[in-house]
Amino acid sequence: MKKPRKVAKKVTVLDKTNIESALSAARRIEEPTPPQFSVSLKLDKTILEGSGDTVLEALNQVAMQKPVKITTKSVLTVTKGDKKHSRALTIPLAKRLFMPKIQQFIAKSLELVLK
């Protein structure tokens, strides 16, 4: 068997001729992208909202605003761009939204629905 050839890494040495281009490249800052997913949970009269790059991040933002008590059915709405999915939740399911381990499963199922 032949041994794979080693490829030398290309290293640029900074000197007076290329220092300006290197500095300008380092100064460029990427603009933050807008959040991809937004989640809203409507509980009776209150609306809890969150957004993030993934459904899980958006659900975590909603979970940070945990209500005192969940006593009515709720509506969970997930939006990705122009796609929108609403789901009615019973009281036990709405309470599970605020449990961190269960959020992963809910997030996965919601991402599959929006594909």
N, C-alpha and C. Protein backbone atom coordinates (compact mmCIF):
# COMPACT_ATOMS: atom_id res chain seq x y z
N MET A 1 0.84 -1.18 0.00
CA MET A 1 0.00 0.00 0.00
C MET A 1 0.88 1.24 0.00
N LYS A 2 0.43 2.20 -0.74
CA LYS A 2 1.18 3.45 -0.78
C LYS A 2 0.77 4.32 0.38
N LYS A 3 1.72 5.03 0.92
CA LYS A 3 1.43 5.96 2.00
C LYS A 3 0.89 7.26 1.40
N PRO A 4 -0.08 7.86 2.07
CA PRO A 4 -0.58 9.14 1.56
C PRO A 4 0.49 10.22 1.67
N ARG A 5 0.53 11.07 0.65
CA ARG A 5 1.51 12.14 0.66
C ARG A 5 1.10 13.23 1.63
N LYS A 6 2.07 13.79 2.26
CA LYS A 6 1.81 14.89 3.18
C LYS A 6 1.75 16.17 2.37
N VAL A 7 0.71 16.95 2.63
CA VAL A 7 0.55 18.22 1.93
C VAL A 7 0.98 19.33 2.88
N ALA A 8 1.86 20.16 2.40
CA ALA A 8 2.35 21.27 3.23
C ALA A 8 1.25 22.31 3.37
N LYS A 9 1.07 22.80 4.58
CA LYS A 9 0.07 23.83 4.83
C LYS A 9 0.59 25.17 4.33
N LYS A 10 -0.33 25.91 3.77
CA LYS A 10 0.04 27.21 3.23
C LYS A 10 -0.05 28.25 4.34
N VAL A 11 1.05 28.87 4.65
CA VAL A 11 1.09 29.88 5.71
C VAL A 11 1.49 31.20 5.07
N THR A 12 0.69 32.22 5.36
CA THR A 12 1.04 33.53 4.82
C THR A 12 1.83 34.30 5.86
N VAL A 13 2.91 34.85 5.42
CA VAL A 13 3.76 35.64 6.31
C VAL A 13 3.37 37.10 6.15
N LEU A 14 3.14 37.75 7.28
CA LEU A 14 2.73 39.15 7.23
C LEU A 14 3.96 40.04 7.05
N ASP A 15 3.87 40.91 6.08
CA ASP A 15 4.91 41.91 5.88
C ASP A 15 4.22 43.20 5.43
N LYS A 16 4.98 44.17 5.01
CA LYS A 16 4.42 45.49 4.66
C LYS A 16 3.47 45.42 3.48
N THR A 17 3.62 44.46 2.62
CA THR A 17 2.79 44.42 1.42
C THR A 17 1.40 43.83 1.67
N ASN A 18 1.26 42.90 2.58
CA ASN A 18 -0.04 42.26 2.77
C ASN A 18 -0.67 42.50 4.14
N ILE A 19 -0.12 43.36 4.95
CA ILE A 19 -0.67 43.59 6.29
C ILE A 19 -2.03 44.27 6.24
N GLU A 20 -2.22 45.18 5.29
CA GLU A 20 -3.50 45.89 5.19
C GLU A 20 -4.64 44.93 4.82
N SER A 21 -4.39 44.05 3.89
CA SER A 21 -5.45 43.11 3.50
C SER A 21 -5.78 42.14 4.64
N ALA A 22 -4.78 41.75 5.40
CA ALA A 22 -5.02 40.85 6.53
C ALA A 22 -5.81 41.56 7.63
N LEU A 23 -5.50 42.81 7.89
CA LEU A 23 -6.22 43.57 8.91
C LEU A 23 -7.66 43.83 8.48
N SER A 24 -7.87 44.15 7.23
CA SER A 24 -9.24 44.42 6.77
C SER A 24 -10.08 43.14 6.82
N ALA A 25 -9.47 42.00 6.56
CA ALA A 25 -10.19 40.73 6.65
C ALA A 25 -10.54 40.40 8.10
N ALA A 26 -9.64 40.76 9.01
CA ALA A 26 -9.91 40.49 10.43
C ALA A 26 -10.98 41.43 10.98
N ARG A 27 -11.11 42.61 10.42
CA ARG A 27 -12.09 43.59 10.92
C ARG A 27 -13.51 43.29 10.45
N ARG A 28 -13.62 42.53 9.38
CA ARG A 28 -14.95 42.22 8.88
C ARG A 28 -15.71 41.38 9.90
N ILE A 29 -16.87 41.84 10.24
CA ILE A 29 -17.70 41.12 11.22
C ILE A 29 -18.97 40.68 10.50
N GLU A 30 -19.30 39.43 10.68
CA GLU A 30 -20.51 38.92 10.05
C GLU A 30 -21.73 39.49 10.76
N GLU A 31 -22.71 39.88 9.96
CA GLU A 31 -23.95 40.37 10.53
C GLU A 31 -24.74 39.18 11.06
N PRO A 32 -25.35 39.34 12.23
CA PRO A 32 -26.12 38.23 12.77
C PRO A 32 -27.35 37.94 11.90
N THR A 33 -27.63 36.67 11.73
CA THR A 33 -28.79 36.28 10.94
C THR A 33 -30.04 36.33 11.81
N PRO A 34 -31.16 36.67 11.23
CA PRO A 34 -32.39 36.70 12.03
C PRO A 34 -32.76 35.29 12.47
N PRO A 35 -33.45 35.16 13.59
CA PRO A 35 -33.82 33.83 14.07
C PRO A 35 -34.70 33.11 13.05
N GLN A 36 -34.47 31.81 12.94
CA GLN A 36 -35.16 31.02 11.93
C GLN A 36 -36.55 30.56 12.40
N PHE A 37 -36.67 30.24 13.66
CA PHE A 37 -37.93 29.72 14.20
C PHE A 37 -38.50 30.69 15.24
N SER A 38 -39.81 30.78 15.28
CA SER A 38 -40.46 31.52 16.36
C SER A 38 -41.59 30.65 16.91
N VAL A 39 -41.72 30.66 18.22
CA VAL A 39 -42.72 29.83 18.90
C VAL A 39 -43.55 30.74 19.79
N SER A 40 -44.86 30.56 19.75
CA SER A 40 -45.72 31.30 20.67
C SER A 40 -46.69 30.32 21.31
N LEU A 41 -46.90 30.52 22.58
CA LEU A 41 -47.81 29.68 23.36
C LEU A 41 -48.89 30.57 23.95
N LYS A 42 -50.11 30.32 23.54
CA LYS A 42 -51.23 31.13 24.03
C LYS A 42 -51.93 30.39 25.15
N LEU A 43 -51.84 30.95 26.35
CA LEU A 43 -52.50 30.40 27.53
C LEU A 43 -53.57 31.38 27.97
N ASP A 44 -54.82 31.05 27.75
CA ASP A 44 -55.94 31.88 28.13
C ASP A 44 -55.74 33.32 27.64
N LYS A 45 -55.28 34.24 28.52
CA LYS A 45 -55.11 35.64 28.13
C LYS A 45 -53.65 36.01 27.90
N THR A 46 -52.73 35.15 28.29
CA THR A 46 -51.31 35.48 28.13
C THR A 46 -50.73 34.78 26.91
N ILE A 47 -49.77 35.44 26.29
CA ILE A 47 -49.06 34.87 25.15
C ILE A 47 -47.57 34.88 25.47
N LEU A 48 -46.96 33.71 25.46
CA LEU A 48 -45.53 33.57 25.69
C LEU A 48 -44.85 33.34 24.34
N GLU A 49 -43.82 34.13 24.05
CA GLU A 49 -43.17 34.03 22.74
C GLU A 49 -41.67 33.83 22.89
N GLY A 50 -41.09 33.15 21.92
CA GLY A 50 -39.65 32.94 21.88
C GLY A 50 -39.21 32.71 20.45
N SER A 51 -37.93 32.98 20.17
CA SER A 51 -37.41 32.76 18.83
C SER A 51 -35.97 32.29 18.93
N GLY A 52 -35.52 31.59 17.90
CA GLY A 52 -34.15 31.08 17.89
C GLY A 52 -33.82 30.40 16.59
N ASP A 53 -32.59 29.97 16.47
CA ASP A 53 -32.14 29.29 15.26
C ASP A 53 -32.70 27.88 15.15
N THR A 54 -33.05 27.28 16.28
CA THR A 54 -33.69 25.96 16.28
C THR A 54 -34.98 26.04 17.09
N VAL A 55 -35.83 25.04 16.92
CA VAL A 55 -37.08 25.02 17.68
C VAL A 55 -36.78 24.87 19.17
N LEU A 56 -35.74 24.12 19.50
CA LEU A 56 -35.38 23.91 20.91
C LEU A 56 -34.98 25.22 21.58
N GLU A 57 -34.20 26.06 20.88
CA GLU A 57 -33.83 27.36 21.44
C GLU A 57 -35.06 28.23 21.66
N ALA A 58 -35.99 28.20 20.71
CA ALA A 58 -37.21 28.99 20.85
C ALA A 58 -38.06 28.48 22.01
N LEU A 59 -38.15 27.15 22.16
CA LEU A 59 -38.91 26.59 23.29
C LEU A 59 -38.26 26.94 24.62
N ASN A 60 -36.93 26.97 24.66
CA ASN A 60 -36.24 27.34 25.90
C ASN A 60 -36.56 28.78 26.29
N GLN A 61 -36.67 29.66 25.31
CA GLN A 61 -37.03 31.05 25.61
C GLN A 61 -38.45 31.15 26.14
N VAL A 62 -39.34 30.33 25.60
CA VAL A 62 -40.72 30.31 26.10
C VAL A 62 -40.74 29.76 27.52
N ALA A 63 -39.94 28.73 27.78
CA ALA A 63 -39.92 28.09 29.10
C ALA A 63 -39.37 29.02 30.18
N MET A 64 -38.55 29.98 29.79
CA MET A 64 -38.02 30.94 30.78
C MET A 64 -39.13 31.83 31.34
N GLN A 65 -40.21 32.00 30.59
CA GLN A 65 -41.31 32.86 31.00
C GLN A 65 -42.44 32.04 31.62
N LYS A 66 -42.09 31.00 32.33
CA LYS A 66 -43.07 30.05 32.85
C LYS A 66 -44.18 30.74 33.66
N PRO A 67 -45.42 30.43 33.31
CA PRO A 67 -46.54 31.01 34.07
C PRO A 67 -46.66 30.37 35.45
N VAL A 68 -47.41 31.01 36.31
CA VAL A 68 -47.58 30.52 37.67
C VAL A 68 -48.33 29.19 37.67
N LYS A 69 -49.43 29.14 36.94
CA LYS A 69 -50.25 27.93 36.92
C LYS A 69 -50.91 27.79 35.56
N ILE A 70 -50.94 26.58 35.05
CA ILE A 70 -51.61 26.32 33.77
C ILE A 70 -52.92 25.63 34.09
N THR A 71 -54.03 26.31 33.78
CA THR A 71 -55.34 25.78 34.14
C THR A 71 -56.27 25.60 32.94
N THR A 72 -55.84 26.02 31.75
CA THR A 72 -56.69 25.89 30.58
C THR A 72 -55.91 25.26 29.43
N LYS A 73 -56.66 24.85 28.42
CA LYS A 73 -56.00 24.35 27.21
C LYS A 73 -55.24 25.50 26.57
N SER A 74 -54.25 25.17 25.78
CA SER A 74 -53.43 26.21 25.16
C SER A 74 -53.20 25.88 23.69
N VAL A 75 -52.68 26.88 22.98
CA VAL A 75 -52.38 26.71 21.56
C VAL A 75 -50.90 27.03 21.35
N LEU A 76 -50.17 26.08 20.78
CA LEU A 76 -48.76 26.25 20.48
C LEU A 76 -48.62 26.49 18.98
N THR A 77 -47.99 27.61 18.61
CA THR A 77 -47.81 27.96 17.21
C THR A 77 -46.32 28.06 16.92
N VAL A 78 -45.86 27.35 15.89
CA VAL A 78 -44.47 27.38 15.47
C VAL A 78 -44.42 27.95 14.06
N THR A 79 -43.49 28.90 13.84
CA THR A 79 -43.37 29.54 12.54
C THR A 79 -41.94 29.44 12.05
N LYS A 80 -41.78 29.04 10.79
CA LYS A 80 -40.46 29.02 10.15
C LYS A 80 -40.64 29.67 8.79
N GLY A 81 -40.17 30.90 8.67
CA GLY A 81 -40.34 31.64 7.42
C GLY A 81 -41.81 31.86 7.14
N ASP A 82 -42.31 31.33 6.03
CA ASP A 82 -43.73 31.48 5.70
C ASP A 82 -44.56 30.27 6.12
N LYS A 83 -43.92 29.23 6.64
CA LYS A 83 -44.64 28.05 7.12
C LYS A 83 -45.09 28.28 8.55
N LYS A 84 -46.29 27.82 8.85
CA LYS A 84 -46.84 28.02 10.20
C LYS A 84 -47.61 26.76 10.59
N HIS A 85 -47.43 26.33 11.83
CA HIS A 85 -48.12 25.14 12.33
C HIS A 85 -48.65 25.44 13.72
N SER A 86 -49.94 25.21 13.91
CA SER A 86 -50.57 25.41 15.22
C SER A 86 -51.05 24.08 15.75
N ARG A 87 -50.93 23.93 17.06
CA ARG A 87 -51.34 22.69 17.70
C ARG A 87 -52.01 23.02 19.03
N ALA A 88 -53.17 22.44 19.25
CA ALA A 88 -53.86 22.61 20.53
C ALA A 88 -53.25 21.64 21.54
N LEU A 89 -52.99 22.14 22.74
CA LEU A 89 -52.38 21.32 23.78
C LEU A 89 -53.33 21.21 24.97
N THR A 90 -53.43 20.01 25.50
CA THR A 90 -54.19 19.83 26.73
C THR A 90 -53.36 20.35 27.90
N ILE A 91 -53.94 20.40 29.06
CA ILE A 91 -53.24 20.93 30.24
C ILE A 91 -51.98 20.13 30.55
N PRO A 92 -52.02 18.78 30.59
CA PRO A 92 -50.77 18.05 30.87
C PRO A 92 -49.68 18.26 29.82
N LEU A 93 -50.06 18.34 28.55
CA LEU A 93 -49.07 18.58 27.49
C LEU A 93 -48.46 19.98 27.61
N ALA A 94 -49.29 20.94 27.98
CA ALA A 94 -48.78 22.31 28.15
C ALA A 94 -47.80 22.37 29.32
N LYS A 95 -48.07 21.61 30.37
CA LYS A 95 -47.14 21.59 31.51
C LYS A 95 -45.83 20.93 31.13
N ARG A 96 -45.89 19.93 30.25
CA ARG A 96 -44.67 19.23 29.83
C ARG A 96 -43.75 20.12 28.98
N LEU A 97 -44.30 21.14 28.37
CA LEU A 97 -43.48 22.07 27.59
C LEU A 97 -42.40 22.73 28.43
N PHE A 98 -42.61 22.82 29.72
CA PHE A 98 -41.69 23.51 30.61
C PHE A 98 -40.71 22.54 31.28
N MET A 99 -40.74 21.27 30.89
CA MET A 99 -39.78 20.28 31.41
C MET A 99 -38.64 20.14 30.40
N PRO A 100 -37.39 20.39 30.80
CA PRO A 100 -36.27 20.41 29.85
C PRO A 100 -36.06 19.12 29.06
N LYS A 101 -36.24 17.96 29.69
CA LYS A 101 -36.01 16.70 28.98
C LYS A 101 -37.08 16.44 27.93
N ILE A 102 -38.30 16.86 28.19
CA ILE A 102 -39.40 16.64 27.26
C ILE A 102 -39.32 17.62 26.09
N GLN A 103 -38.73 18.80 26.31
CA GLN A 103 -38.63 19.82 25.26
C GLN A 103 -37.90 19.30 24.04
N GLN A 104 -36.90 18.46 24.24
CA GLN A 104 -36.14 17.92 23.11
C GLN A 104 -37.02 17.09 22.18
N PHE A 105 -37.89 16.27 22.76
CA PHE A 105 -38.78 15.44 21.96
C PHE A 105 -39.83 16.28 21.24
N ILE A 106 -40.37 17.27 21.93
CA ILE A 106 -41.37 18.15 21.33
C ILE A 106 -40.74 18.94 20.19
N ALA A 107 -39.53 19.45 20.41
CA ALA A 107 -38.84 20.23 19.38
C ALA A 107 -38.59 19.38 18.14
N LYS A 108 -38.18 18.14 18.32
CA LYS A 108 -37.91 17.27 17.18
C LYS A 108 -39.17 17.01 16.37
N SER A 109 -40.28 16.75 17.04
CA SER A 109 -41.52 16.48 16.33
C SER A 109 -42.02 17.73 15.59
N LEU A 110 -41.83 18.91 16.19
CA LEU A 110 -42.27 20.15 15.52
C LEU A 110 -41.40 20.47 14.31
N GLU A 111 -40.11 20.17 14.39
CA GLU A 111 -39.23 20.40 13.24
C GLU A 111 -39.62 19.48 12.08
N LEU A 112 -40.00 18.25 12.39
CA LEU A 112 -40.42 17.32 11.34
C LEU A 112 -41.71 17.77 10.67
N VAL A 113 -42.61 18.36 11.44
CA VAL A 113 -43.86 18.84 10.89
C VAL A 113 -43.63 19.99 9.91
N LEU A 114 -42.64 20.83 10.21
CA LEU A 114 -42.41 22.02 9.37
C LEU A 114 -41.53 21.75 8.15
N LYS A 115 -41.06 20.53 7.96
CA LYS A 115 -40.23 20.24 6.77
C LYS A 115 -41.06 20.13 5.53
